[in-house]
Each structure stands twice: as structure tokens, then as C-alpha cells.
Amino acid sequence: MKEKSYKRITVKFLLLLIALLYISFLYLDIFNKEIFLSSRELKFISMILIFIISIFTRKDALSYKDLHLLQIGLFITLIADLFLLVLDSHYILGIILFSIVQILYSFRYEYRNLKLTIRNFIIIFLGLSILHIIINKFVVELDFILVIGLFYGICLLNSVVKAVKAYKYKTYPIPNRQMILIGMMLFLLCDINVALYNILGYIGKVNVFYNISFVSMWLFYLPSQVLLALSGYRYNN
């Protein structure tokens, strides 16, 4: 009983810290301010805390299979954020890692036909790669990161669809299925803003929509990760 009480207090404390970090980096992003820690560093610290929340699940997990998939996904997400957010480099590797995360989440929400699912993802990736080679050779040169980005988009949409099905068919109990559904929807909104931000930056349209998309990425992203991390817990009345 004492252990559960300690865990509950610790998780609530971590959530409070994450909320404070969330408010802080949004303020820095909106008003273009700087403090002793950068917005990127605050964001990465918040992601570390989210991963720690998932570690505290342990015996309170819905199931160990579900928890392991979730924790692996969150850990890979943390590594991807290290490349894309902190180091600001290795973009292709970062997007590939996020693609793996979405594939893991699709397994989590619909744990069946794993071999078929993996085969389909490999076929899609190879098909996109071949199409990229053909376009480069006969039409126009395109950066390979576009292929990776498109592949990630397919992986993301697949996991979102499976999250919706998991909610519809009540694969998870309440409130876990609501957390998963809202978390994945926020994940999708985040990546829509990521795409918009990069497209506008690429064509040189630095305007109000560019700035809004910059802030909106993490406006949606951090809550999505909090909800997903908490969705692994087993809640009683």
C-alpha cells in the first residue's frame, strides 16, 4: 500500500514538473525569449520525465506485453528527439526511428498478423525507394528525406487508424482507450504542423502560419506523449 502511495505521489510530482516545463518552453517559443536553458533543452528534459513515468508503471501495467511495446516506443522516441531536437542533425535517422515507433504502436493497438504487418511495411518502403530512384533518374532529383518522410506519414496514419479501431472495439478499458485515442490524434496534429513548418520554411514563406506551426508542434506533441505514457497503467475505480 505504501509503495502504491509513493508511486502515485511521484507520478503526480513528475506530471507537475512536466506541466511547468510545458508552460515555460511554450512561453519561450511564443515570445522568442531565452533563459539559462534553451527551449529545446526544456523540451528534451520533459521527454525524459515522460519516459520515467512509464518506467514507474511496473506491476500496475495493463499487461507486460502492452507495457513493453509502449516503453520501447517511448525510449526510441527519446533517441529520435535527441537527434532531431537536441543535436539538430541526422534527420533521416531521426525520422526512421519515429517510423519504428509508429510501427510498434500499431502492433500495440492490434497485436495480430505481425509477420504480415512487417512484410507490408517493408514492401511499402521498398516501393517508395524504387519510385524515388525512377523519379531521380527520369524526372527530377528529389532528396531521399522526402521518401522517409512519406513512409513515416504512412506509418503514423496506420497507427492512428488502429488506435481509432482500438477505441471503437474497446480493446482497452476506460480511461486507457481515451488516452490512446486522444494521444494519437494529438500526435497526428503535431506532425501536420511539422510538415507545414518544413514546407513553409523550404519555400521561404516565413509568415504567421510558419510561426504558428512552429509553436503548435510541441503544443500538441508533449500532451500526446504524456497521455500515451499514462495509457500503460491499469486504473481501478
C-alpha atoms as a PDB file:
ATOM      1  CA  MET A   1       0.000   0.000   0.000  1.00  0.00           C
ATOM      2  CA  LYS A   2       2.845   2.364   0.906  1.00  0.00           C
ATOM      3  CA  GLU A   3       4.579   1.547  -2.380  1.00  0.00           C
ATOM      4  CA  LYS A   4       1.459   2.443  -4.391  1.00  0.00           C
ATOM      5  CA  SER A   5       1.022   5.671  -2.427  1.00  0.00           C
ATOM      6  CA  TYR A   6       4.672   6.578  -3.042  1.00  0.00           C
ATOM      7  CA  LYS A   7       4.312   5.799  -6.733  1.00  0.00           C
ATOM      8  CA  ARG A   8       1.139   7.888  -7.022  1.00  0.00           C
ATOM      9  CA  ILE A   9       2.803  10.890  -5.368  1.00  0.00           C
ATOM     10  CA  THR A  10       5.927  10.514  -7.539  1.00  0.00           C
ATOM     11  CA  VAL A  11       3.951  10.327 -10.775  1.00  0.00           C
ATOM     12  CA  LYS A  12       1.885  13.372  -9.805  1.00  0.00           C
ATOM     13  CA  PHE A  13       5.082  15.277  -8.990  1.00  0.00           C
ATOM     14  CA  LEU A  14       6.591  14.337 -12.363  1.00  0.00           C
ATOM     15  CA  LEU A  15       3.406  15.448 -14.127  1.00  0.00           C
ATOM     16  CA  LEU A  16       3.595  18.786 -12.304  1.00  0.00           C
ATOM     17  CA  LEU A  17       7.208  19.249 -13.414  1.00  0.00           C
ATOM     18  CA  ILE A  18       6.257  18.405 -16.994  1.00  0.00           C
ATOM     19  CA  ALA A  19       3.398  20.929 -16.869  1.00  0.00           C
ATOM     20  CA  LEU A  20       5.790  23.644 -15.643  1.00  0.00           C
ATOM     21  CA  LEU A  21       8.306  22.791 -18.380  1.00  0.00           C
ATOM     22  CA  TYR A  22       5.478  22.801 -20.942  1.00  0.00           C
ATOM     23  CA  ILE A  23       4.351  26.292 -19.941  1.00  0.00           C
ATOM     24  CA  SER A  24       7.969  27.503 -19.858  1.00  0.00           C
ATOM     25  CA  PHE A  25       9.046  26.363 -23.316  1.00  0.00           C
ATOM     26  CA  LEU A  26       5.770  27.473 -24.910  1.00  0.00           C
ATOM     27  CA  TYR A  27       6.361  30.923 -23.406  1.00  0.00           C
ATOM     28  CA  LEU A  28       9.940  30.951 -24.781  1.00  0.00           C
ATOM     29  CA  ASP A  29       8.740  29.839 -28.225  1.00  0.00           C
ATOM     30  CA  ILE A  30       5.824  32.270 -28.458  1.00  0.00           C
ATOM     31  CA  PHE A  31       7.726  35.338 -27.283  1.00  0.00           C
ATOM     32  CA  ASN A  32      11.138  34.268 -28.645  1.00  0.00           C
ATOM     33  CA  LYS A  33      12.782  34.564 -25.223  1.00  0.00           C
ATOM     34  CA  GLU A  34      15.845  32.894 -23.753  1.00  0.00           C
ATOM     35  CA  ILE A  35      16.748  31.789 -20.220  1.00  0.00           C
ATOM     36  CA  PHE A  36      19.603  29.746 -18.737  1.00  0.00           C
ATOM     37  CA  LEU A  37      18.153  26.684 -20.500  1.00  0.00           C
ATOM     38  CA  SER A  38      17.009  26.775 -24.104  1.00  0.00           C
ATOM     39  CA  SER A  39      13.525  25.797 -25.226  1.00  0.00           C
ATOM     40  CA  ARG A  40      14.982  22.674 -26.847  1.00  0.00           C
ATOM     41  CA  GLU A  41      16.650  21.599 -23.614  1.00  0.00           C
ATOM     42  CA  LEU A  42      13.427  22.093 -21.638  1.00  0.00           C
ATOM     43  CA  LYS A  43      11.552  20.023 -24.206  1.00  0.00           C
ATOM     44  CA  PHE A  44      14.053  17.183 -24.034  1.00  0.00           C
ATOM     45  CA  ILE A  45      14.020  17.182 -20.219  1.00  0.00           C
ATOM     46  CA  SER A  46      10.232  16.891 -20.323  1.00  0.00           C
ATOM     47  CA  MET A  47      10.534  13.868 -22.622  1.00  0.00           C
ATOM     48  CA  ILE A  48      12.968  12.213 -20.195  1.00  0.00           C
ATOM     49  CA  LEU A  49      10.433  12.723 -17.386  1.00  0.00           C
ATOM     50  CA  ILE A  50       7.690  11.197 -19.546  1.00  0.00           C
ATOM     51  CA  PHE A  51       9.808   8.095 -20.122  1.00  0.00           C
ATOM     52  CA  ILE A  52      10.444   7.878 -16.355  1.00  0.00           C
ATOM     53  CA  ILE A  53       6.655   7.935 -15.775  1.00  0.00           C
ATOM     54  CA  SER A  54       6.332   4.856 -17.992  1.00  0.00           C
ATOM     55  CA  ILE A  55       9.101   3.107 -16.022  1.00  0.00           C
ATOM     56  CA  PHE A  56       7.134   3.568 -12.794  1.00  0.00           C
ATOM     57  CA  THR A  57       4.253   1.526 -14.250  1.00  0.00           C
ATOM     58  CA  ARG A  58       5.734  -1.880 -13.410  1.00  0.00           C
ATOM     59  CA  LYS A  59       3.175  -4.087 -11.628  1.00  0.00           C
ATOM     60  CA  ASP A  60       0.399  -1.576 -12.327  1.00  0.00           C
ATOM     61  CA  ALA A  61       0.545  -2.203 -16.079  1.00  0.00           C
ATOM     62  CA  LEU A  62      -2.440  -3.350 -18.115  1.00  0.00           C
ATOM     63  CA  SER A  63      -0.206  -6.157 -19.353  1.00  0.00           C
ATOM     64  CA  TYR A  64       3.538  -6.649 -19.650  1.00  0.00           C
ATOM     65  CA  LYS A  65       3.292  -7.121 -23.413  1.00  0.00           C
ATOM     66  CA  ASP A  66       1.471  -3.815 -23.781  1.00  0.00           C
ATOM     67  CA  LEU A  67       3.871  -2.054 -21.392  1.00  0.00           C
ATOM     68  CA  HIS A  68       6.987  -3.354 -23.142  1.00  0.00           C
ATOM     69  CA  LEU A  69       5.784  -2.120 -26.541  1.00  0.00           C
ATOM     70  CA  LEU A  70       4.905   1.258 -25.020  1.00  0.00           C
ATOM     71  CA  GLN A  71       8.217   1.638 -23.182  1.00  0.00           C
ATOM     72  CA  ILE A  72      10.283   0.625 -26.219  1.00  0.00           C
ATOM     73  CA  GLY A  73       8.295   3.130 -28.292  1.00  0.00           C
ATOM     74  CA  LEU A  74       8.873   5.918 -25.757  1.00  0.00           C
ATOM     75  CA  PHE A  75      12.583   5.104 -25.490  1.00  0.00           C
ATOM     76  CA  ILE A  76      13.053   5.183 -29.274  1.00  0.00           C
ATOM     77  CA  THR A  77      11.067   8.436 -29.318  1.00  0.00           C
ATOM     78  CA  LEU A  78      13.539   9.845 -26.791  1.00  0.00           C
ATOM     79  CA  ILE A  79      16.502   8.856 -29.004  1.00  0.00           C
ATOM     80  CA  ALA A  80      14.801  10.345 -32.076  1.00  0.00           C
ATOM     81  CA  ASP A  81      14.207  13.599 -30.186  1.00  0.00           C
ATOM     82  CA  LEU A  82      17.876  13.614 -29.213  1.00  0.00           C
ATOM     83  CA  PHE A  83      18.839  13.641 -32.898  1.00  0.00           C
ATOM     84  CA  LEU A  84      16.144  15.989 -34.199  1.00  0.00           C
ATOM     85  CA  LEU A  85      15.744  18.327 -31.230  1.00  0.00           C
ATOM     86  CA  VAL A  86      18.980  18.498 -29.233  1.00  0.00           C
ATOM     87  CA  LEU A  87      21.668  17.647 -31.800  1.00  0.00           C
ATOM     88  CA  ASP A  88      19.615  19.090 -34.690  1.00  0.00           C
ATOM     89  CA  SER A  89      21.204  16.605 -37.092  1.00  0.00           C
ATOM     90  CA  HIS A  90      20.841  13.092 -38.560  1.00  0.00           C
ATOM     91  CA  TYR A  91      17.324  13.927 -39.742  1.00  0.00           C
ATOM     92  CA  ILE A  92      16.866  10.788 -41.823  1.00  0.00           C
ATOM     93  CA  LEU A  93      17.852   8.577 -38.877  1.00  0.00           C
ATOM     94  CA  GLY A  94      15.505  10.528 -36.609  1.00  0.00           C
ATOM     95  CA  ILE A  95      12.549  10.079 -38.970  1.00  0.00           C
ATOM     96  CA  ILE A  96      13.352   6.370 -39.395  1.00  0.00           C
ATOM     97  CA  LEU A  97      13.293   5.997 -35.605  1.00  0.00           C
ATOM     98  CA  PHE A  98       9.915   7.736 -35.434  1.00  0.00           C
ATOM     99  CA  SER A  99       8.667   5.362 -38.147  1.00  0.00           C
ATOM    100  CA  ILE A 100       9.733   2.404 -35.998  1.00  0.00           C
ATOM    101  CA  VAL A 101       7.853   3.981 -33.076  1.00  0.00           C
ATOM    102  CA  GLN A 102       4.642   4.140 -35.109  1.00  0.00           C
ATOM    103  CA  ILE A 103       5.075   0.544 -36.264  1.00  0.00           C
ATOM    104  CA  LEU A 104       5.491  -0.527 -32.627  1.00  0.00           C
ATOM    105  CA  TYR A 105       2.355   1.396 -31.652  1.00  0.00           C
ATOM    106  CA  SER A 106       0.391  -0.227 -34.473  1.00  0.00           C
ATOM    107  CA  PHE A 107       1.460  -3.601 -33.001  1.00  0.00           C
ATOM    108  CA  ARG A 108       0.369  -2.399 -29.581  1.00  0.00           C
ATOM    109  CA  TYR A 109      -3.128  -1.419 -30.709  1.00  0.00           C
ATOM    110  CA  GLU A 110      -3.711  -4.504 -32.860  1.00  0.00           C
ATOM    111  CA  TYR A 111      -1.419  -7.333 -31.849  1.00  0.00           C
ATOM    112  CA  ARG A 112      -2.039  -9.825 -34.642  1.00  0.00           C
ATOM    113  CA  ASN A 113      -0.666 -10.776 -38.074  1.00  0.00           C
ATOM    114  CA  LEU A 114       2.736  -9.388 -37.064  1.00  0.00           C
ATOM    115  CA  LYS A 115       4.621 -11.082 -39.892  1.00  0.00           C
ATOM    116  CA  LEU A 116       2.119  -9.797 -42.443  1.00  0.00           C
ATOM    117  CA  THR A 117       2.303  -6.268 -40.996  1.00  0.00           C
ATOM    118  CA  ILE A 118       6.110  -6.232 -41.057  1.00  0.00           C
ATOM    119  CA  ARG A 119       6.111  -7.579 -44.627  1.00  0.00           C
ATOM    120  CA  ASN A 120       3.674  -4.871 -45.725  1.00  0.00           C
ATOM    121  CA  PHE A 121       5.796  -2.107 -44.210  1.00  0.00           C
ATOM    122  CA  ILE A 122       8.913  -3.496 -45.916  1.00  0.00           C
ATOM    123  CA  ILE A 123       7.087  -3.652 -49.272  1.00  0.00           C
ATOM    124  CA  ILE A 124       5.864  -0.060 -48.860  1.00  0.00           C
ATOM    125  CA  PHE A 125       9.366   1.162 -48.011  1.00  0.00           C
ATOM    126  CA  LEU A 126      10.965  -0.689 -50.916  1.00  0.00           C
ATOM    127  CA  GLY A 127       8.237   0.543 -53.281  1.00  0.00           C
ATOM    128  CA  LEU A 128       8.808   4.160 -52.242  1.00  0.00           C
ATOM    129  CA  SER A 129      12.582   3.725 -52.594  1.00  0.00           C
ATOM    130  CA  ILE A 130      12.242   2.291 -56.120  1.00  0.00           C
ATOM    131  CA  LEU A 131       9.849   5.097 -57.073  1.00  0.00           C
ATOM    132  CA  HIS A 132      12.393   7.599 -55.739  1.00  0.00           C
ATOM    133  CA  ILE A 133      15.144   6.069 -57.898  1.00  0.00           C
ATOM    134  CA  ILE A 134      12.936   6.180 -61.018  1.00  0.00           C
ATOM    135  CA  ILE A 135      11.898   9.805 -60.432  1.00  0.00           C
ATOM    136  CA  ASN A 136      15.502  10.824 -59.774  1.00  0.00           C
ATOM    137  CA  LYS A 137      16.680   9.144 -62.971  1.00  0.00           C
ATOM    138  CA  PHE A 138      13.966  10.193 -65.393  1.00  0.00           C
ATOM    139  CA  VAL A 139      12.126  13.199 -63.952  1.00  0.00           C
ATOM    140  CA  VAL A 140      13.768  15.349 -61.281  1.00  0.00           C
ATOM    141  CA  GLU A 141      16.184  14.861 -58.404  1.00  0.00           C
ATOM    142  CA  LEU A 142      14.480  14.555 -55.036  1.00  0.00           C
ATOM    143  CA  ASP A 143      16.049  14.369 -51.593  1.00  0.00           C
ATOM    144  CA  PHE A 144      15.739  10.892 -50.044  1.00  0.00           C
ATOM    145  CA  ILE A 145      14.404  12.505 -46.859  1.00  0.00           C
ATOM    146  CA  LEU A 146      11.115  13.018 -48.754  1.00  0.00           C
ATOM    147  CA  VAL A 147      10.799   9.246 -49.148  1.00  0.00           C
ATOM    148  CA  ILE A 148      11.492   8.734 -45.450  1.00  0.00           C
ATOM    149  CA  GLY A 149       9.003  11.458 -44.564  1.00  0.00           C
ATOM    150  CA  LEU A 150       6.301   9.884 -46.746  1.00  0.00           C
ATOM    151  CA  PHE A 151       6.996   6.458 -45.253  1.00  0.00           C
ATOM    152  CA  TYR A 152       6.697   7.922 -41.755  1.00  0.00           C
ATOM    153  CA  GLY A 153       3.389   9.545 -42.704  1.00  0.00           C
ATOM    154  CA  ILE A 154       2.034   6.155 -43.794  1.00  0.00           C
ATOM    155  CA  CYS A 155       3.235   4.547 -40.550  1.00  0.00           C
ATOM    156  CA  LEU A 156       1.654   7.328 -38.494  1.00  0.00           C
ATOM    157  CA  LEU A 157      -1.718   7.135 -40.266  1.00  0.00           C
ATOM    158  CA  ASN A 158      -1.699   3.358 -39.850  1.00  0.00           C
ATOM    159  CA  SER A 159      -1.174   3.579 -36.085  1.00  0.00           C
ATOM    160  CA  VAL A 160      -3.816   6.341 -35.778  1.00  0.00           C
ATOM    161  CA  VAL A 161      -6.356   4.174 -37.638  1.00  0.00           C
ATOM    162  CA  LYS A 162      -5.569   1.243 -35.352  1.00  0.00           C
ATOM    163  CA  ALA A 163      -5.907   3.499 -32.299  1.00  0.00           C
ATOM    164  CA  VAL A 164      -9.374   4.507 -33.531  1.00  0.00           C
ATOM    165  CA  LYS A 165     -10.284   0.824 -34.006  1.00  0.00           C
ATOM    166  CA  ALA A 166      -8.963   0.004 -30.531  1.00  0.00           C
ATOM    167  CA  TYR A 167     -11.249   2.699 -29.146  1.00  0.00           C
ATOM    168  CA  LYS A 168     -14.237   1.599 -31.232  1.00  0.00           C
ATOM    169  CA  TYR A 169     -13.927  -2.080 -30.353  1.00  0.00           C
ATOM    170  CA  LYS A 170     -12.992  -1.371 -26.702  1.00  0.00           C
ATOM    171  CA  THR A 171      -9.659  -3.170 -26.892  1.00  0.00           C
ATOM    172  CA  TYR A 172      -8.551  -1.198 -23.847  1.00  0.00           C
ATOM    173  CA  PRO A 173     -10.536  -0.326 -20.711  1.00  0.00           C
ATOM    174  CA  ILE A 174     -11.556   3.180 -19.636  1.00  0.00           C
ATOM    175  CA  PRO A 175      -9.706   5.584 -19.410  1.00  0.00           C
ATOM    176  CA  ASN A 176      -6.842   3.924 -21.328  1.00  0.00           C
ATOM    177  CA  ARG A 177      -8.609   3.808 -24.670  1.00  0.00           C
ATOM    178  CA  GLN A 178      -9.497   7.506 -24.412  1.00  0.00           C
ATOM    179  CA  MET A 179      -5.865   8.327 -23.580  1.00  0.00           C
ATOM    180  CA  ILE A 180      -4.617   6.331 -26.556  1.00  0.00           C
ATOM    181  CA  LEU A 181      -7.123   7.835 -28.978  1.00  0.00           C
ATOM    182  CA  ILE A 182      -6.560  11.453 -27.878  1.00  0.00           C
ATOM    183  CA  GLY A 183      -2.803  10.886 -27.609  1.00  0.00           C
ATOM    184  CA  MET A 184      -2.569   9.607 -31.185  1.00  0.00           C
ATOM    185  CA  MET A 185      -4.806  12.388 -32.521  1.00  0.00           C
ATOM    186  CA  LEU A 186      -2.532  14.955 -30.871  1.00  0.00           C
ATOM    187  CA  PHE A 187       0.482  13.097 -32.315  1.00  0.00           C
ATOM    188  CA  LEU A 188      -1.100  13.458 -35.764  1.00  0.00           C
ATOM    189  CA  LEU A 189      -1.785  17.177 -35.238  1.00  0.00           C
ATOM    190  CA  CYS A 190       1.822  17.643 -34.149  1.00  0.00           C
ATOM    191  CA  ASP A 191       3.177  16.047 -37.310  1.00  0.00           C
ATOM    192  CA  ILE A 192       0.783  18.002 -39.537  1.00  0.00           C
ATOM    193  CA  ASN A 193       2.361  21.126 -38.083  1.00  0.00           C
ATOM    194  CA  VAL A 194       5.850  19.657 -38.531  1.00  0.00           C
ATOM    195  CA  ALA A 195       5.086  19.122 -42.228  1.00  0.00           C
ATOM    196  CA  LEU A 196       3.601  22.618 -42.584  1.00  0.00           C
ATOM    197  CA  TYR A 197       6.576  24.194 -40.810  1.00  0.00           C
ATOM    198  CA  ASN A 198       9.096  22.442 -43.060  1.00  0.00           C
ATOM    199  CA  ILE A 199       7.148  23.128 -46.272  1.00  0.00           C
ATOM    200  CA  LEU A 200       6.794  26.829 -45.496  1.00  0.00           C
ATOM    201  CA  GLY A 201      10.465  27.026 -44.496  1.00  0.00           C
ATOM    202  CA  TYR A 202      11.543  25.240 -47.684  1.00  0.00           C
ATOM    203  CA  ILE A 203       9.653  27.625 -49.969  1.00  0.00           C
ATOM    204  CA  GLY A 204      10.726  30.638 -47.930  1.00  0.00           C
ATOM    205  CA  LYS A 205       7.271  31.578 -46.677  1.00  0.00           C
ATOM    206  CA  VAL A 206       8.229  32.746 -43.194  1.00  0.00           C
ATOM    207  CA  ASN A 207       4.895  34.221 -42.093  1.00  0.00           C
ATOM    208  CA  VAL A 208       2.324  33.966 -39.330  1.00  0.00           C
ATOM    209  CA  PHE A 209       1.426  30.378 -40.329  1.00  0.00           C
ATOM    210  CA  TYR A 210       5.102  29.439 -40.165  1.00  0.00           C
ATOM    211  CA  ASN A 211       5.334  30.802 -36.622  1.00  0.00           C
ATOM    212  CA  ILE A 212       2.060  29.191 -35.559  1.00  0.00           C
ATOM    213  CA  SER A 213       3.152  25.786 -36.863  1.00  0.00           C
ATOM    214  CA  PHE A 214       6.479  26.142 -35.019  1.00  0.00           C
ATOM    215  CA  VAL A 215       4.713  26.638 -31.680  1.00  0.00           C
ATOM    216  CA  SER A 216       1.934  24.135 -32.424  1.00  0.00           C
ATOM    217  CA  MET A 217       4.332  21.214 -32.943  1.00  0.00           C
ATOM    218  CA  TRP A 218       5.135  20.926 -29.248  1.00  0.00           C
ATOM    219  CA  LEU A 219       1.788  22.349 -28.185  1.00  0.00           C
ATOM    220  CA  PHE A 220       0.328  19.038 -29.395  1.00  0.00           C
ATOM    221  CA  TYR A 221       3.366  16.763 -29.098  1.00  0.00           C
ATOM    222  CA  LEU A 222       4.075  16.887 -25.379  1.00  0.00           C
ATOM    223  CA  PRO A 223       0.454  16.225 -24.258  1.00  0.00           C
ATOM    224  CA  SER A 224       0.313  13.324 -26.721  1.00  0.00           C
ATOM    225  CA  GLN A 225       3.383  11.727 -25.130  1.00  0.00           C
ATOM    226  CA  VAL A 226       2.063  12.265 -21.596  1.00  0.00           C
ATOM    227  CA  LEU A 227      -1.236  10.568 -22.479  1.00  0.00           C
ATOM    228  CA  LEU A 228       0.498   7.659 -24.190  1.00  0.00           C
ATOM    229  CA  ALA A 229       2.869   7.162 -21.243  1.00  0.00           C
ATOM    230  CA  LEU A 230      -0.073   7.123 -18.819  1.00  0.00           C
ATOM    231  CA  SER A 231      -2.102   4.788 -21.057  1.00  0.00           C
ATOM    232  CA  GLY A 232       0.029   1.846 -19.962  1.00  0.00           C
ATOM    233  CA  TYR A 233      -1.249   1.978 -16.374  1.00  0.00           C
ATOM    234  CA  ARG A 234      -4.060  -0.180 -15.025  1.00  0.00           C
ATOM    235  CA  TYR A 235      -6.624   2.105 -13.423  1.00  0.00           C
ATOM    236  CA  ASN A 236      -9.271   0.992 -10.935  1.00  0.00           C
ATOM    237  CA  ASN A 237     -12.366   2.867  -9.849  1.00  0.00           C
END
